[in-house]
Amino acid sequence: MSQQLIISVGREFGSIGHEIAEKLAEHYNLPLYDHNLLDELVEANKLENVDVDELKELEEDKNNFVFYRTVKGHTNSPAHNIAHMQFDFMKKKAEEGESFVIVGRCSEQMLKEYDGLISIFILEDMKDKVNRIMKYYDLPEKKAEKLVKYKNKKRKNYHNTYCEGKWGDSRNYDVCINCSRLGMDEAIRFLVNYIDIRRGEIE
């Protein structure tokens, strides 16, 4: 495998996907791109008078073709333009040979041409996702479950707008892991072992 290592982490809302991405980035001493990606993008492109918080509100939105249209490859959809700015940003990082961990953003599809890519999808049982969201947002159970379903539907729609493969379909990832079965520590050990084998560091 190439010396370059790109770890793509897709995840369900309410799962520990982001936390696992953080642990993998720490273990391999790699930069992590997730919520900070738009900040990096704005800084890299020297975009002035841009409200990053407003951009984040549009992140992972699906195009609404009732209100936006595309003419000769150009669109007036802010969500579409933000998505492609992020795709271009991570492709540029990959083309420059950088190793990194990237959370979501269709990265398993957008970076599939790179030999150093390892794609992971993190899921959990509904009860565990709901319990985590209840605690994190201080919500009652029914509202937490409704939020989990809404957010995951939104992620699915966003992903499937830009990718051939379907969001969460195991055939589109190297590893899919239900962390309700293993927990954080064992999931990290499992993934590190898999990544090291793929990199040829374990005989």
N, C-alpha and C. Protein backbone atom coordinates (compact mmCIF):
# COMPACT_ATOMS: atom_id res chain seq x y z
N MET A 1 0.84 -1.19 0.00
CA MET A 1 0.00 0.00 0.00
C MET A 1 0.87 1.24 0.00
N SER A 2 0.37 2.31 -0.57
CA SER A 2 1.06 3.59 -0.59
C SER A 2 1.37 4.04 0.84
N GLN A 3 2.44 4.83 1.00
CA GLN A 3 2.77 5.39 2.30
C GLN A 3 1.72 6.39 2.76
N GLN A 4 1.01 6.96 1.80
CA GLN A 4 -0.07 7.87 2.16
C GLN A 4 -1.19 7.10 2.85
N LEU A 5 -1.74 7.67 3.92
CA LEU A 5 -2.85 7.05 4.63
C LEU A 5 -3.99 8.06 4.74
N ILE A 6 -5.11 7.71 4.15
CA ILE A 6 -6.32 8.53 4.25
C ILE A 6 -7.39 7.65 4.86
N ILE A 7 -7.87 8.04 6.03
CA ILE A 7 -8.92 7.27 6.71
C ILE A 7 -10.23 8.03 6.58
N SER A 8 -11.17 7.44 5.87
CA SER A 8 -12.49 8.02 5.67
C SER A 8 -13.45 7.37 6.67
N VAL A 9 -14.11 8.21 7.47
CA VAL A 9 -15.04 7.70 8.48
C VAL A 9 -16.44 8.21 8.22
N GLY A 10 -17.29 7.34 7.67
CA GLY A 10 -18.71 7.65 7.57
C GLY A 10 -19.37 7.23 8.87
N ARG A 11 -20.48 7.88 9.23
CA ARG A 11 -21.07 7.53 10.52
C ARG A 11 -22.54 7.92 10.57
N GLU A 12 -23.26 7.18 11.38
CA GLU A 12 -24.64 7.53 11.69
C GLU A 12 -24.65 8.64 12.73
N PHE A 13 -25.64 9.50 12.66
CA PHE A 13 -25.82 10.52 13.68
C PHE A 13 -26.17 9.84 15.01
N GLY A 14 -25.51 10.27 16.07
CA GLY A 14 -25.74 9.65 17.37
C GLY A 14 -24.77 8.54 17.70
N SER A 15 -24.02 8.08 16.70
CA SER A 15 -23.01 7.04 16.94
C SER A 15 -21.74 7.71 17.45
N ILE A 16 -20.72 6.90 17.74
CA ILE A 16 -19.45 7.46 18.20
C ILE A 16 -18.47 7.60 17.04
N GLY A 17 -18.98 7.83 15.84
CA GLY A 17 -18.14 7.94 14.66
C GLY A 17 -17.11 9.05 14.75
N HIS A 18 -17.54 10.24 15.21
CA HIS A 18 -16.59 11.35 15.30
C HIS A 18 -15.52 11.04 16.34
N GLU A 19 -15.92 10.47 17.46
CA GLU A 19 -14.96 10.13 18.51
C GLU A 19 -13.94 9.11 18.02
N ILE A 20 -14.40 8.14 17.24
CA ILE A 20 -13.49 7.14 16.68
C ILE A 20 -12.53 7.80 15.70
N ALA A 21 -13.03 8.71 14.89
CA ALA A 21 -12.16 9.45 13.96
C ALA A 21 -11.09 10.22 14.73
N GLU A 22 -11.47 10.84 15.84
CA GLU A 22 -10.51 11.56 16.67
C GLU A 22 -9.43 10.62 17.21
N LYS A 23 -9.85 9.46 17.69
CA LYS A 23 -8.89 8.49 18.25
C LYS A 23 -7.93 7.97 17.19
N LEU A 24 -8.44 7.72 15.99
CA LEU A 24 -7.58 7.24 14.90
C LEU A 24 -6.60 8.33 14.46
N ALA A 25 -7.09 9.57 14.40
CA ALA A 25 -6.20 10.67 14.04
C ALA A 25 -5.10 10.83 15.08
N GLU A 26 -5.45 10.69 16.34
CA GLU A 26 -4.46 10.78 17.42
C GLU A 26 -3.47 9.62 17.35
N HIS A 27 -3.96 8.42 17.12
CA HIS A 27 -3.10 7.24 17.09
C HIS A 27 -2.07 7.34 15.97
N TYR A 28 -2.50 7.79 14.79
CA TYR A 28 -1.60 7.85 13.63
C TYR A 28 -0.98 9.24 13.44
N ASN A 29 -1.26 10.14 14.39
CA ASN A 29 -0.71 11.50 14.35
C ASN A 29 -1.05 12.18 13.02
N LEU A 30 -2.33 12.17 12.68
CA LEU A 30 -2.81 12.74 11.42
C LEU A 30 -3.76 13.90 11.70
N PRO A 31 -3.81 14.87 10.78
CA PRO A 31 -4.83 15.92 10.91
C PRO A 31 -6.22 15.33 10.71
N LEU A 32 -7.19 15.90 11.43
CA LEU A 32 -8.57 15.45 11.33
C LEU A 32 -9.40 16.55 10.70
N TYR A 33 -10.15 16.18 9.65
CA TYR A 33 -11.06 17.13 9.01
C TYR A 33 -12.49 16.69 9.26
N ASP A 34 -13.22 17.53 9.94
CA ASP A 34 -14.65 17.29 10.17
C ASP A 34 -15.34 18.64 10.22
N HIS A 35 -15.77 19.07 11.42
CA HIS A 35 -16.46 20.35 11.53
C HIS A 35 -15.52 21.51 11.20
N ASN A 36 -14.22 21.28 11.33
CA ASN A 36 -13.24 22.33 11.06
C ASN A 36 -12.92 22.46 9.58
N LEU A 37 -13.45 21.60 8.73
CA LEU A 37 -13.07 21.61 7.32
C LEU A 37 -13.44 22.92 6.64
N LEU A 38 -14.62 23.45 6.96
CA LEU A 38 -15.02 24.72 6.35
C LEU A 38 -14.13 25.87 6.79
N ASP A 39 -13.69 25.85 8.05
CA ASP A 39 -12.76 26.87 8.52
C ASP A 39 -11.46 26.80 7.71
N GLU A 40 -10.97 25.56 7.53
CA GLU A 40 -9.75 25.36 6.75
C GLU A 40 -9.93 25.84 5.32
N LEU A 41 -11.08 25.54 4.76
CA LEU A 41 -11.36 25.89 3.37
C LEU A 41 -11.41 27.40 3.19
N VAL A 42 -12.09 28.08 4.09
CA VAL A 42 -12.19 29.54 4.02
C VAL A 42 -10.81 30.18 4.15
N GLU A 43 -10.01 29.66 5.08
CA GLU A 43 -8.67 30.20 5.28
C GLU A 43 -7.77 29.92 4.08
N ALA A 44 -7.83 28.70 3.54
CA ALA A 44 -6.98 28.32 2.42
C ALA A 44 -7.29 29.14 1.17
N ASN A 45 -8.58 29.47 0.99
CA ASN A 45 -8.98 30.22 -0.21
C ASN A 45 -9.05 31.73 0.03
N LYS A 46 -8.65 32.15 1.26
CA LYS A 46 -8.63 33.56 1.61
C LYS A 46 -9.97 34.24 1.28
N LEU A 47 -11.05 33.55 1.69
CA LEU A 47 -12.39 34.09 1.45
C LEU A 47 -12.73 35.11 2.52
N GLU A 48 -12.98 36.33 2.11
CA GLU A 48 -13.29 37.39 3.05
C GLU A 48 -14.80 37.59 3.17
N ASN A 49 -15.20 38.14 4.30
CA ASN A 49 -16.62 38.43 4.55
C ASN A 49 -17.51 37.19 4.41
N VAL A 50 -16.96 36.06 4.79
CA VAL A 50 -17.71 34.81 4.74
C VAL A 50 -18.04 34.37 6.16
N ASP A 51 -19.31 34.15 6.43
CA ASP A 51 -19.75 33.68 7.74
C ASP A 51 -19.70 32.15 7.74
N VAL A 52 -18.69 31.59 8.41
CA VAL A 52 -18.51 30.15 8.40
C VAL A 52 -19.70 29.45 9.05
N ASP A 53 -20.28 30.07 10.07
CA ASP A 53 -21.43 29.46 10.74
C ASP A 53 -22.61 29.31 9.78
N GLU A 54 -22.79 30.28 8.89
CA GLU A 54 -23.86 30.18 7.89
C GLU A 54 -23.57 29.05 6.91
N LEU A 55 -22.30 28.90 6.55
CA LEU A 55 -21.93 27.79 5.65
C LEU A 55 -22.21 26.46 6.31
N LYS A 56 -21.93 26.36 7.61
CA LYS A 56 -22.14 25.10 8.32
C LYS A 56 -23.62 24.74 8.41
N GLU A 57 -24.48 25.77 8.38
CA GLU A 57 -25.92 25.50 8.39
C GLU A 57 -26.35 24.81 7.10
N LEU A 58 -25.63 25.09 6.01
CA LEU A 58 -25.97 24.51 4.71
C LEU A 58 -25.26 23.18 4.45
N GLU A 59 -24.28 22.86 5.32
CA GLU A 59 -23.52 21.63 5.13
C GLU A 59 -24.43 20.41 5.24
N GLU A 60 -24.17 19.42 4.40
CA GLU A 60 -24.94 18.17 4.36
C GLU A 60 -26.40 18.38 3.98
N ASP A 61 -26.71 19.55 3.38
CA ASP A 61 -28.05 19.75 2.84
C ASP A 61 -28.11 19.16 1.44
N LYS A 62 -29.25 18.61 1.11
CA LYS A 62 -29.48 18.10 -0.24
C LYS A 62 -29.98 19.25 -1.09
N ASN A 63 -29.60 19.26 -2.36
CA ASN A 63 -30.12 20.28 -3.26
C ASN A 63 -31.64 20.21 -3.32
N ASN A 64 -32.29 21.35 -3.30
CA ASN A 64 -33.73 21.40 -3.53
C ASN A 64 -33.93 21.90 -4.95
N PHE A 65 -34.20 20.98 -5.86
CA PHE A 65 -34.26 21.33 -7.27
C PHE A 65 -35.49 22.16 -7.63
N VAL A 66 -36.42 22.33 -6.68
CA VAL A 66 -37.56 23.20 -6.93
C VAL A 66 -37.12 24.65 -6.95
N PHE A 67 -36.14 24.98 -6.07
CA PHE A 67 -35.72 26.36 -5.91
C PHE A 67 -34.42 26.70 -6.64
N TYR A 68 -33.59 25.67 -6.95
CA TYR A 68 -32.30 25.93 -7.57
C TYR A 68 -32.22 25.20 -8.90
N ARG A 69 -31.44 25.77 -9.80
CA ARG A 69 -31.31 25.15 -11.11
C ARG A 69 -29.85 25.17 -11.55
N THR A 70 -29.53 24.26 -12.46
CA THR A 70 -28.19 24.15 -13.00
C THR A 70 -28.21 24.45 -14.48
N VAL A 71 -27.33 25.32 -14.93
CA VAL A 71 -27.23 25.69 -16.34
C VAL A 71 -25.78 25.56 -16.76
N LYS A 72 -25.53 24.69 -17.75
CA LYS A 72 -24.19 24.47 -18.28
C LYS A 72 -23.17 24.16 -17.18
N GLY A 73 -23.60 23.32 -16.24
CA GLY A 73 -22.70 22.88 -15.18
C GLY A 73 -22.58 23.83 -14.01
N HIS A 74 -23.24 24.97 -14.06
CA HIS A 74 -23.19 25.94 -12.97
C HIS A 74 -24.54 25.98 -12.27
N THR A 75 -24.49 26.10 -10.95
CA THR A 75 -25.73 26.08 -10.18
C THR A 75 -25.77 27.27 -9.22
N ASN A 76 -26.98 27.68 -8.87
CA ASN A 76 -27.13 28.73 -7.87
C ASN A 76 -27.51 28.15 -6.51
N SER A 77 -27.29 26.84 -6.33
CA SER A 77 -27.57 26.19 -5.05
C SER A 77 -26.38 26.36 -4.10
N PRO A 78 -26.55 27.08 -2.98
CA PRO A 78 -25.44 27.23 -2.03
C PRO A 78 -24.96 25.88 -1.49
N ALA A 79 -25.90 24.96 -1.18
CA ALA A 79 -25.52 23.66 -0.62
C ALA A 79 -24.65 22.89 -1.61
N HIS A 80 -25.03 22.92 -2.89
CA HIS A 80 -24.27 22.22 -3.93
C HIS A 80 -22.86 22.80 -4.03
N ASN A 81 -22.77 24.12 -4.04
CA ASN A 81 -21.47 24.77 -4.18
C ASN A 81 -20.57 24.50 -2.98
N ILE A 82 -21.15 24.51 -1.78
CA ILE A 82 -20.37 24.23 -0.57
C ILE A 82 -19.86 22.79 -0.59
N ALA A 83 -20.74 21.86 -1.00
CA ALA A 83 -20.34 20.45 -1.08
C ALA A 83 -19.15 20.28 -2.00
N HIS A 84 -19.22 20.88 -3.19
CA HIS A 84 -18.14 20.71 -4.16
C HIS A 84 -16.86 21.43 -3.74
N MET A 85 -17.00 22.53 -3.02
CA MET A 85 -15.81 23.19 -2.48
C MET A 85 -15.08 22.25 -1.51
N GLN A 86 -15.85 21.54 -0.70
CA GLN A 86 -15.25 20.59 0.25
C GLN A 86 -14.65 19.39 -0.47
N PHE A 87 -15.34 18.88 -1.49
CA PHE A 87 -14.81 17.76 -2.26
C PHE A 87 -13.48 18.17 -2.90
N ASP A 88 -13.44 19.36 -3.49
CA ASP A 88 -12.22 19.84 -4.15
C ASP A 88 -11.09 20.03 -3.14
N PHE A 89 -11.44 20.51 -1.95
CA PHE A 89 -10.44 20.75 -0.91
C PHE A 89 -9.76 19.45 -0.49
N MET A 90 -10.57 18.41 -0.21
CA MET A 90 -9.95 17.16 0.25
C MET A 90 -9.25 16.44 -0.89
N LYS A 91 -9.72 16.59 -2.12
CA LYS A 91 -9.01 16.00 -3.26
C LYS A 91 -7.65 16.65 -3.44
N LYS A 92 -7.58 17.97 -3.24
CA LYS A 92 -6.31 18.68 -3.35
C LYS A 92 -5.34 18.19 -2.28
N LYS A 93 -5.84 18.02 -1.05
CA LYS A 93 -4.99 17.49 0.02
C LYS A 93 -4.45 16.11 -0.35
N ALA A 94 -5.33 15.28 -0.90
CA ALA A 94 -4.92 13.92 -1.30
C ALA A 94 -3.91 13.97 -2.45
N GLU A 95 -4.16 14.82 -3.42
CA GLU A 95 -3.26 14.94 -4.57
C GLU A 95 -1.87 15.41 -4.15
N GLU A 96 -1.82 16.21 -3.10
CA GLU A 96 -0.54 16.71 -2.60
C GLU A 96 0.19 15.67 -1.75
N GLY A 97 -0.44 14.51 -1.57
CA GLY A 97 0.19 13.42 -0.83
C GLY A 97 -0.02 13.47 0.66
N GLU A 98 -0.91 14.34 1.13
CA GLU A 98 -1.14 14.45 2.57
C GLU A 98 -1.89 13.22 3.09
N SER A 99 -1.53 12.81 4.28
CA SER A 99 -2.27 11.77 5.00
C SER A 99 -3.18 12.46 6.01
N PHE A 100 -4.41 11.97 6.16
CA PHE A 100 -5.35 12.62 7.07
C PHE A 100 -6.53 11.71 7.35
N VAL A 101 -7.33 12.12 8.34
CA VAL A 101 -8.60 11.47 8.64
C VAL A 101 -9.70 12.44 8.25
N ILE A 102 -10.68 11.96 7.50
CA ILE A 102 -11.78 12.80 7.05
C ILE A 102 -13.09 12.15 7.47
N VAL A 103 -13.97 12.94 8.07
CA VAL A 103 -15.25 12.43 8.54
C VAL A 103 -16.34 12.81 7.53
N GLY A 104 -17.05 11.81 7.03
CA GLY A 104 -18.18 12.06 6.14
C GLY A 104 -17.79 12.69 4.82
N ARG A 105 -18.67 13.57 4.32
CA ARG A 105 -18.45 14.35 3.11
C ARG A 105 -18.17 13.49 1.87
N CYS A 106 -18.82 12.33 1.84
CA CYS A 106 -18.72 11.43 0.67
C CYS A 106 -17.28 11.02 0.37
N SER A 107 -16.43 11.07 1.39
CA SER A 107 -14.99 10.87 1.15
C SER A 107 -14.65 9.48 0.65
N GLU A 108 -15.43 8.47 1.04
CA GLU A 108 -15.12 7.11 0.55
C GLU A 108 -15.32 7.01 -0.96
N GLN A 109 -16.16 7.88 -1.51
CA GLN A 109 -16.40 7.91 -2.95
C GLN A 109 -15.45 8.89 -3.64
N MET A 110 -15.31 10.08 -3.08
CA MET A 110 -14.54 11.14 -3.72
C MET A 110 -13.04 10.84 -3.75
N LEU A 111 -12.56 10.01 -2.83
CA LEU A 111 -11.13 9.73 -2.74
C LEU A 111 -10.79 8.28 -3.07
N LYS A 112 -11.72 7.58 -3.70
CA LYS A 112 -11.54 6.14 -3.93
C LYS A 112 -10.38 5.81 -4.86
N GLU A 113 -9.91 6.76 -5.65
CA GLU A 113 -8.81 6.49 -6.58
C GLU A 113 -7.45 6.41 -5.87
N TYR A 114 -7.39 6.80 -4.62
CA TYR A 114 -6.11 6.81 -3.90
C TYR A 114 -5.88 5.48 -3.19
N ASP A 115 -4.71 4.88 -3.45
CA ASP A 115 -4.40 3.58 -2.88
C ASP A 115 -4.33 3.62 -1.35
N GLY A 116 -4.01 4.78 -0.80
CA GLY A 116 -3.87 4.89 0.65
C GLY A 116 -5.18 5.07 1.39
N LEU A 117 -6.30 5.05 0.67
CA LEU A 117 -7.61 5.24 1.32
C LEU A 117 -8.09 3.98 2.02
N ILE A 118 -8.53 4.14 3.26
CA ILE A 118 -9.22 3.09 3.99
C ILE A 118 -10.54 3.68 4.47
N SER A 119 -11.64 3.08 4.04
CA SER A 119 -12.96 3.64 4.34
C SER A 119 -13.69 2.81 5.39
N ILE A 120 -14.26 3.52 6.34
CA ILE A 120 -14.92 2.91 7.50
C ILE A 120 -16.31 3.52 7.64
N PHE A 121 -17.27 2.69 8.04
CA PHE A 121 -18.60 3.22 8.38
C PHE A 121 -18.96 2.76 9.78
N ILE A 122 -19.33 3.73 10.63
CA ILE A 122 -19.65 3.46 12.03
C ILE A 122 -21.16 3.54 12.24
N LEU A 123 -21.73 2.49 12.81
CA LEU A 123 -23.15 2.49 13.14
C LEU A 123 -23.32 1.96 14.56
N GLU A 124 -24.52 2.15 15.09
CA GLU A 124 -24.86 1.61 16.40
C GLU A 124 -26.34 1.30 16.45
N ASP A 125 -26.74 0.53 17.45
CA ASP A 125 -28.16 0.24 17.65
C ASP A 125 -28.90 1.54 17.96
N MET A 126 -30.17 1.60 17.56
CA MET A 126 -30.96 2.80 17.76
C MET A 126 -31.00 3.22 19.24
N LYS A 127 -31.15 2.26 20.13
CA LYS A 127 -31.28 2.62 21.56
C LYS A 127 -30.02 3.32 22.05
N ASP A 128 -28.85 2.90 21.58
CA ASP A 128 -27.60 3.54 22.01
C ASP A 128 -27.47 4.94 21.42
N LYS A 129 -27.87 5.10 20.16
CA LYS A 129 -27.82 6.44 19.55
C LYS A 129 -28.78 7.39 20.26
N VAL A 130 -29.97 6.90 20.56
CA VAL A 130 -30.98 7.73 21.22
C VAL A 130 -30.51 8.11 22.62
N ASN A 131 -29.97 7.16 23.36
CA ASN A 131 -29.48 7.46 24.71
C ASN A 131 -28.38 8.51 24.69
N ARG A 132 -27.50 8.41 23.71
CA ARG A 132 -26.40 9.38 23.62
C ARG A 132 -26.93 10.78 23.29
N ILE A 133 -27.88 10.85 22.38
CA ILE A 133 -28.44 12.15 21.99
C ILE A 133 -29.29 12.73 23.12
N MET A 134 -29.98 11.89 23.86
CA MET A 134 -30.74 12.36 25.02
C MET A 134 -29.81 13.09 26.01
N LYS A 135 -28.67 12.49 26.27
CA LYS A 135 -27.72 13.07 27.22
C LYS A 135 -27.05 14.31 26.65
N TYR A 136 -26.65 14.23 25.39
CA TYR A 136 -25.88 15.32 24.78
C TYR A 136 -26.72 16.59 24.62
N TYR A 137 -27.98 16.42 24.19
CA TYR A 137 -28.83 17.58 23.94
C TYR A 137 -29.88 17.79 25.04
N ASP A 138 -29.83 16.97 26.07
CA ASP A 138 -30.80 17.06 27.16
C ASP A 138 -32.24 17.01 26.61
N LEU A 139 -32.52 15.94 25.87
CA LEU A 139 -33.83 15.77 25.23
C LEU A 139 -34.56 14.56 25.81
N PRO A 140 -35.89 14.59 25.80
CA PRO A 140 -36.64 13.38 26.16
C PRO A 140 -36.47 12.34 25.06
N GLU A 141 -36.78 11.09 25.40
CA GLU A 141 -36.50 9.97 24.49
C GLU A 141 -37.14 10.13 23.11
N LYS A 142 -38.41 10.49 23.05
CA LYS A 142 -39.10 10.57 21.76
C LYS A 142 -38.50 11.65 20.86
N LYS A 143 -38.15 12.80 21.46
CA LYS A 143 -37.54 13.87 20.67
C LYS A 143 -36.15 13.48 20.20
N ALA A 144 -35.42 12.77 21.05
CA ALA A 144 -34.08 12.32 20.67
C ALA A 144 -34.15 11.34 19.51
N GLU A 145 -35.09 10.40 19.58
CA GLU A 145 -35.25 9.43 18.50
C GLU A 145 -35.66 10.12 17.20
N LYS A 146 -36.53 11.10 17.31
CA LYS A 146 -36.97 11.85 16.13
C LYS A 146 -35.79 12.59 15.50
N LEU A 147 -34.93 13.18 16.33
CA LEU A 147 -33.76 13.90 15.84
C LEU A 147 -32.78 12.95 15.16
N VAL A 148 -32.54 11.78 15.75
CA VAL A 148 -31.64 10.78 15.15
C VAL A 148 -32.14 10.38 13.77
N LYS A 149 -33.42 10.10 13.66
CA LYS A 149 -33.99 9.69 12.37
C LYS A 149 -33.92 10.81 11.34
N TYR A 150 -34.20 12.03 11.78
CA TYR A 150 -34.16 13.19 10.87
C TYR A 150 -32.75 13.42 10.35
N LYS A 151 -31.78 13.42 11.27
CA LYS A 151 -30.40 13.70 10.88
C LYS A 151 -29.84 12.62 9.96
N ASN A 152 -30.17 11.37 10.25
CA ASN A 152 -29.66 10.29 9.41
C ASN A 152 -30.31 10.28 8.04
N LYS A 153 -31.58 10.65 7.98
CA LYS A 153 -32.23 10.79 6.68
C LYS A 153 -31.58 11.91 5.88
N LYS A 154 -31.24 12.99 6.56
CA LYS A 154 -30.58 14.12 5.91
C LYS A 154 -29.20 13.72 5.38
N ARG A 155 -28.46 12.97 6.19
CA ARG A 155 -27.14 12.51 5.75
C ARG A 155 -27.25 11.56 4.56
N LYS A 156 -28.22 10.68 4.63
CA LYS A 156 -28.44 9.74 3.54
C LYS A 156 -28.78 10.48 2.24
N ASN A 157 -29.67 11.44 2.31
CA ASN A 157 -30.06 12.21 1.13
C ASN A 157 -28.89 12.98 0.54
N TYR A 158 -28.11 13.60 1.42
CA TYR A 158 -26.93 14.35 0.99
C TYR A 158 -25.95 13.42 0.27
N HIS A 159 -25.62 12.33 0.92
CA HIS A 159 -24.65 11.38 0.36
C HIS A 159 -25.13 10.83 -0.98
N ASN A 160 -26.36 10.41 -1.04
CA ASN A 160 -26.87 9.76 -2.25
C ASN A 160 -27.09 10.73 -3.39
N THR A 161 -27.08 12.03 -3.09
CA THR A 161 -27.16 13.04 -4.14
C THR A 161 -25.87 13.09 -4.95
N TYR A 162 -24.74 12.87 -4.27
CA TYR A 162 -23.43 13.06 -4.92
C TYR A 162 -22.70 11.75 -5.23
N CYS A 163 -23.18 10.63 -4.71
CA CYS A 163 -22.43 9.37 -4.84
C CYS A 163 -23.23 8.30 -5.58
N GLU A 164 -22.51 7.43 -6.25
CA GLU A 164 -23.15 6.29 -6.90
C GLU A 164 -23.57 5.26 -5.86
N GLY A 165 -22.67 4.95 -4.94
CA GLY A 165 -22.98 4.00 -3.89
C GLY A 165 -23.87 4.61 -2.83
N LYS A 166 -24.68 3.80 -2.19
CA LYS A 166 -25.62 4.28 -1.20
C LYS A 166 -24.96 4.43 0.17
N TRP A 167 -25.41 5.44 0.91
CA TRP A 167 -24.91 5.72 2.25
C TRP A 167 -25.16 4.54 3.18
N GLY A 168 -24.10 4.09 3.85
CA GLY A 168 -24.23 3.00 4.81
C GLY A 168 -24.26 1.61 4.21
N ASP A 169 -24.22 1.48 2.88
CA ASP A 169 -24.21 0.18 2.23
C ASP A 169 -22.83 -0.43 2.41
N SER A 170 -22.75 -1.58 3.05
CA SER A 170 -21.45 -2.18 3.40
C SER A 170 -20.56 -2.43 2.18
N ARG A 171 -21.15 -2.57 1.01
CA ARG A 171 -20.36 -2.83 -0.20
C ARG A 171 -19.52 -1.62 -0.61
N ASN A 172 -19.81 -0.46 -0.06
CA ASN A 172 -19.10 0.76 -0.45
C ASN A 172 -17.98 1.15 0.51
N TYR A 173 -17.74 0.32 1.54
CA TYR A 173 -16.73 0.63 2.54
C TYR A 173 -15.82 -0.58 2.76
N ASP A 174 -14.62 -0.32 3.24
CA ASP A 174 -13.73 -1.43 3.59
C ASP A 174 -14.20 -2.14 4.85
N VAL A 175 -14.66 -1.35 5.81
CA VAL A 175 -15.11 -1.91 7.09
C VAL A 175 -16.37 -1.20 7.55
N CYS A 176 -17.38 -1.96 7.94
CA CYS A 176 -18.55 -1.42 8.63
C CYS A 176 -18.57 -2.06 10.01
N ILE A 177 -18.72 -1.25 11.04
CA ILE A 177 -18.64 -1.79 12.40
C ILE A 177 -19.75 -1.22 13.27
N ASN A 178 -20.46 -2.12 13.93
CA ASN A 178 -21.51 -1.73 14.87
C ASN A 178 -20.87 -1.63 16.25
N CYS A 179 -20.68 -0.39 16.71
CA CYS A 179 -19.98 -0.17 17.97
C CYS A 179 -20.81 -0.52 19.20
N SER A 180 -22.09 -0.81 19.00
CA SER A 180 -22.89 -1.31 20.12
C SER A 180 -22.42 -2.70 20.54
N ARG A 181 -21.75 -3.40 19.61
CA ARG A 181 -21.28 -4.75 19.92
C ARG A 181 -19.93 -4.74 20.63
N LEU A 182 -19.06 -3.78 20.28
CA LEU A 182 -17.70 -3.79 20.80
C LEU A 182 -17.40 -2.68 21.80
N GLY A 183 -18.05 -1.54 21.65
CA GLY A 183 -17.69 -0.39 22.47
C GLY A 183 -16.50 0.34 21.86
N MET A 184 -16.20 1.50 22.41
CA MET A 184 -15.16 2.37 21.85
C MET A 184 -13.78 1.72 21.83
N ASP A 185 -13.30 1.25 22.96
CA ASP A 185 -11.92 0.77 23.05
C ASP A 185 -11.67 -0.43 22.14
N GLU A 186 -12.58 -1.39 22.15
CA GLU A 186 -12.39 -2.58 21.31
C GLU A 186 -12.54 -2.23 19.83
N ALA A 187 -13.43 -1.30 19.52
CA ALA A 187 -13.60 -0.87 18.13
C ALA A 187 -12.32 -0.23 17.62
N ILE A 188 -11.69 0.60 18.45
CA ILE A 188 -10.43 1.24 18.06
C ILE A 188 -9.35 0.20 17.85
N ARG A 189 -9.25 -0.76 18.77
CA ARG A 189 -8.23 -1.82 18.63
C ARG A 189 -8.44 -2.61 17.34
N PHE A 190 -9.69 -2.94 17.07
CA PHE A 190 -10.03 -3.69 15.86
C PHE A 190 -9.63 -2.89 14.61
N LEU A 191 -9.97 -1.62 14.59
CA LEU A 191 -9.71 -0.79 13.41
C LEU A 191 -8.22 -0.53 13.22
N VAL A 192 -7.50 -0.29 14.31
CA VAL A 192 -6.06 -0.08 14.20
C VAL A 192 -5.38 -1.34 13.68
N ASN A 193 -5.80 -2.49 14.15
CA ASN A 193 -5.23 -3.75 13.67
C ASN A 193 -5.50 -3.92 12.17
N TYR A 194 -6.72 -3.62 11.76
CA TYR A 194 -7.08 -3.74 10.34
C TYR A 194 -6.25 -2.78 9.50
N ILE A 195 -6.14 -1.53 9.94
CA ILE A 195 -5.41 -0.52 9.18
C ILE A 195 -3.94 -0.90 9.08
N ASP A 196 -3.36 -1.40 10.18
CA ASP A 196 -1.95 -1.78 10.16
C ASP A 196 -1.70 -2.96 9.23
N ILE A 197 -2.62 -3.90 9.21
CA ILE A 197 -2.49 -5.03 8.28
C ILE A 197 -2.54 -4.52 6.84
N ARG A 198 -3.49 -3.64 6.57
CA ARG A 198 -3.60 -3.09 5.22
C ARG A 198 -2.33 -2.32 4.82
N ARG A 199 -1.72 -1.69 5.78
CA ARG A 199 -0.51 -0.91 5.49
C ARG A 199 0.73 -1.79 5.44
N GLY A 200 0.56 -3.07 5.75
CA GLY A 200 1.69 -3.98 5.69
C GLY A 200 2.63 -3.90 6.87
N GLU A 201 2.16 -3.33 8.00
CA GLU A 201 3.02 -3.20 9.16
C GLU A 201 2.96 -4.44 10.06
N ILE A 202 2.00 -5.33 9.80
CA ILE A 202 1.91 -6.57 10.54
C ILE A 202 2.02 -7.71 9.53
N GLU A 203 2.92 -8.63 9.77
CA GLU A 203 3.10 -9.76 8.83
C GLU A 203 1.94 -10.75 8.98
